Amino acid sequence: MIWDQIEGNWKQLKGNVKEQWGKLTDDDLDVINGQREALSGKIQATYGLTEKDAHSQISDWETMLTNVFTPDEKIVKESGAKPLPDDKE
């Protein structure tokens, strides 16, 4: 998934972020505002992780989103998120 898509759908994805990193507050997510480096820094600070570990978790989450949030998935329609383009093009 392209990070621009995550930024563009940040408001719709905040619930998913909270599921993944439950210690992050709504205020944290508002400050992060879809910025990958801000998310990484907040994960590092909140969970005591190294930069490498935080980036690894974010990459795993991003891969999960790519697998779950496809254009014809019901969850996309319910979340109001914009469908992702087919990465195979």
C-alpha atoms as a PDB file:
ATOM      1  CA  MET A   1       0.000   0.000   0.000  1.00  0.00           C
ATOM      2  CA  ILE A   2       1.233   3.448  -0.810  1.00  0.00           C
ATOM      3  CA  TRP A   3       1.568   5.605   2.286  1.00  0.00           C
ATOM      4  CA  ASP A   4      -0.210   8.484   0.499  1.00  0.00           C
ATOM      5  CA  GLN A   5      -3.327   6.316   0.539  1.00  0.00           C
ATOM      6  CA  ILE A   6      -3.009   5.820   4.281  1.00  0.00           C
ATOM      7  CA  GLU A   7      -2.637   9.574   4.768  1.00  0.00           C
ATOM      8  CA  GLY A   8      -5.649  10.184   2.550  1.00  0.00           C
ATOM      9  CA  ASN A   9      -7.757   7.714   4.523  1.00  0.00           C
ATOM     10  CA  TRP A  10      -6.315   8.509   7.966  1.00  0.00           C
ATOM     11  CA  LYS A  11      -9.611   9.496   9.563  1.00  0.00           C
ATOM     12  CA  GLN A  12     -11.185   6.217   8.441  1.00  0.00           C
ATOM     13  CA  LEU A  13      -8.135   4.177   9.491  1.00  0.00           C
ATOM     14  CA  LYS A  14      -7.711   5.640  12.979  1.00  0.00           C
ATOM     15  CA  GLY A  15      -9.860   2.887  14.491  1.00  0.00           C
ATOM     16  CA  ASN A  16      -7.679   0.276  12.842  1.00  0.00           C
ATOM     17  CA  VAL A  17      -4.559   2.013  14.182  1.00  0.00           C
ATOM     18  CA  LYS A  18      -6.070   1.955  17.679  1.00  0.00           C
ATOM     19  CA  GLU A  19      -6.709  -1.794  17.313  1.00  0.00           C
ATOM     20  CA  GLN A  20      -3.080  -2.337  16.355  1.00  0.00           C
ATOM     21  CA  TRP A  21      -1.514   0.054  18.898  1.00  0.00           C
ATOM     22  CA  GLY A  22      -4.093   0.364  21.662  1.00  0.00           C
ATOM     23  CA  LYS A  23      -1.979   2.602  23.887  1.00  0.00           C
ATOM     24  CA  LEU A  24      -2.096   5.429  21.343  1.00  0.00           C
ATOM     25  CA  THR A  25      -4.683   8.033  22.263  1.00  0.00           C
ATOM     26  CA  ASP A  26      -7.093   9.870  20.009  1.00  0.00           C
ATOM     27  CA  ASP A  27      -4.975  12.975  20.581  1.00  0.00           C
ATOM     28  CA  ASP A  28      -1.873  11.023  19.480  1.00  0.00           C
ATOM     29  CA  LEU A  29      -3.651   9.967  16.293  1.00  0.00           C
ATOM     30  CA  ASP A  30      -4.759  13.533  15.595  1.00  0.00           C
ATOM     31  CA  VAL A  31      -1.171  14.751  15.941  1.00  0.00           C
ATOM     32  CA  ILE A  32       0.179  11.887  13.786  1.00  0.00           C
ATOM     33  CA  ASN A  33      -2.366  12.793  11.088  1.00  0.00           C
ATOM     34  CA  GLY A  34      -1.297   9.965   8.789  1.00  0.00           C
ATOM     35  CA  GLN A  35       2.404  10.792   8.797  1.00  0.00           C
ATOM     36  CA  ARG A  36       4.479   7.608   8.842  1.00  0.00           C
ATOM     37  CA  GLU A  37       7.450   9.074  10.718  1.00  0.00           C
ATOM     38  CA  ALA A  38       5.163  10.633  13.321  1.00  0.00           C
ATOM     39  CA  LEU A  39       3.458   7.262  13.811  1.00  0.00           C
ATOM     40  CA  SER A  40       6.835   5.554  14.125  1.00  0.00           C
ATOM     41  CA  GLY A  41       8.054   8.076  16.696  1.00  0.00           C
ATOM     42  CA  LYS A  42       4.898   7.791  18.760  1.00  0.00           C
ATOM     43  CA  ILE A  43       5.067   3.968  18.701  1.00  0.00           C
ATOM     44  CA  GLN A  44       8.712   4.123  19.799  1.00  0.00           C
ATOM     45  CA  ALA A  45       7.945   6.498  22.652  1.00  0.00           C
ATOM     46  CA  THR A  46       4.783   4.744  23.802  1.00  0.00           C
ATOM     47  CA  TYR A  47       5.976   1.146  23.560  1.00  0.00           C
ATOM     48  CA  GLY A  48       9.713   1.605  24.172  1.00  0.00           C
ATOM     49  CA  LEU A  49      10.636   0.128  20.793  1.00  0.00           C
ATOM     50  CA  THR A  50      13.645   0.784  18.622  1.00  0.00           C
ATOM     51  CA  GLU A  51      13.174   2.698  15.396  1.00  0.00           C
ATOM     52  CA  LYS A  52      13.767  -0.529  13.465  1.00  0.00           C
ATOM     53  CA  ASP A  53      11.118  -2.415  15.448  1.00  0.00           C
ATOM     54  CA  ALA A  54       8.580   0.395  15.066  1.00  0.00           C
ATOM     55  CA  HIS A  55       9.178   0.530  11.314  1.00  0.00           C
ATOM     56  CA  SER A  56       8.814  -3.233  11.131  1.00  0.00           C
ATOM     57  CA  GLN A  57       5.466  -3.110  12.931  1.00  0.00           C
ATOM     58  CA  ILE A  58       4.252  -0.341  10.651  1.00  0.00           C
ATOM     59  CA  SER A  59       5.322  -2.301   7.565  1.00  0.00           C
ATOM     60  CA  ASP A  60       3.479  -5.379   8.834  1.00  0.00           C
ATOM     61  CA  TRP A  61       0.377  -3.260   9.488  1.00  0.00           C
ATOM     62  CA  GLU A  62       0.642  -1.699   6.051  1.00  0.00           C
ATOM     63  CA  THR A  63       0.831  -5.171   4.472  1.00  0.00           C
ATOM     64  CA  MET A  64      -2.231  -6.245   6.443  1.00  0.00           C
ATOM     65  CA  LEU A  65      -4.126  -3.196   5.170  1.00  0.00           C
ATOM     66  CA  THR A  66      -3.173  -4.009   1.604  1.00  0.00           C
ATOM     67  CA  ASN A  67      -4.538  -7.529   2.080  1.00  0.00           C
ATOM     68  CA  VAL A  68      -7.739  -6.445   3.859  1.00  0.00           C
ATOM     69  CA  PHE A  69      -8.737  -3.133   2.295  1.00  0.00           C
ATOM     70  CA  THR A  70      -9.271  -4.086  -1.328  1.00  0.00           C
ATOM     71  CA  PRO A  71     -11.779  -2.290  -3.565  1.00  0.00           C
ATOM     72  CA  ASP A  72     -14.435  -4.972  -3.416  1.00  0.00           C
ATOM     73  CA  GLU A  73     -14.167  -5.702   0.287  1.00  0.00           C
ATOM     74  CA  LYS A  74     -17.238  -4.953   2.389  1.00  0.00           C
ATOM     75  CA  ILE A  75     -15.074  -3.346   5.081  1.00  0.00           C
ATOM     76  CA  VAL A  76     -13.981  -0.601   2.681  1.00  0.00           C
ATOM     77  CA  LYS A  77     -17.568   0.313   1.958  1.00  0.00           C
ATOM     78  CA  GLU A  78     -18.513   0.248   5.641  1.00  0.00           C
ATOM     79  CA  SER A  79     -15.505   2.286   6.735  1.00  0.00           C
ATOM     80  CA  GLY A  80     -15.986   4.956   4.099  1.00  0.00           C
ATOM     81  CA  ALA A  81     -12.327   4.543   3.101  1.00  0.00           C
ATOM     82  CA  LYS A  82     -11.385   5.134  -0.507  1.00  0.00           C
ATOM     83  CA  PRO A  83     -10.751   1.876  -2.405  1.00  0.00           C
ATOM     84  CA  LEU A  84      -7.137   1.144  -3.188  1.00  0.00           C
ATOM     85  CA  PRO A  85      -5.971   0.748  -6.772  1.00  0.00           C
ATOM     86  CA  ASP A  86      -4.989  -2.689  -7.948  1.00  0.00           C
ATOM     87  CA  ASP A  87      -1.248  -2.989  -7.213  1.00  0.00           C
ATOM     88  CA  LYS A  88      -0.871  -5.501 -10.054  1.00  0.00           C
ATOM     89  CA  GLU A  89      -1.318  -2.865 -12.751  1.00  0.00           C
END
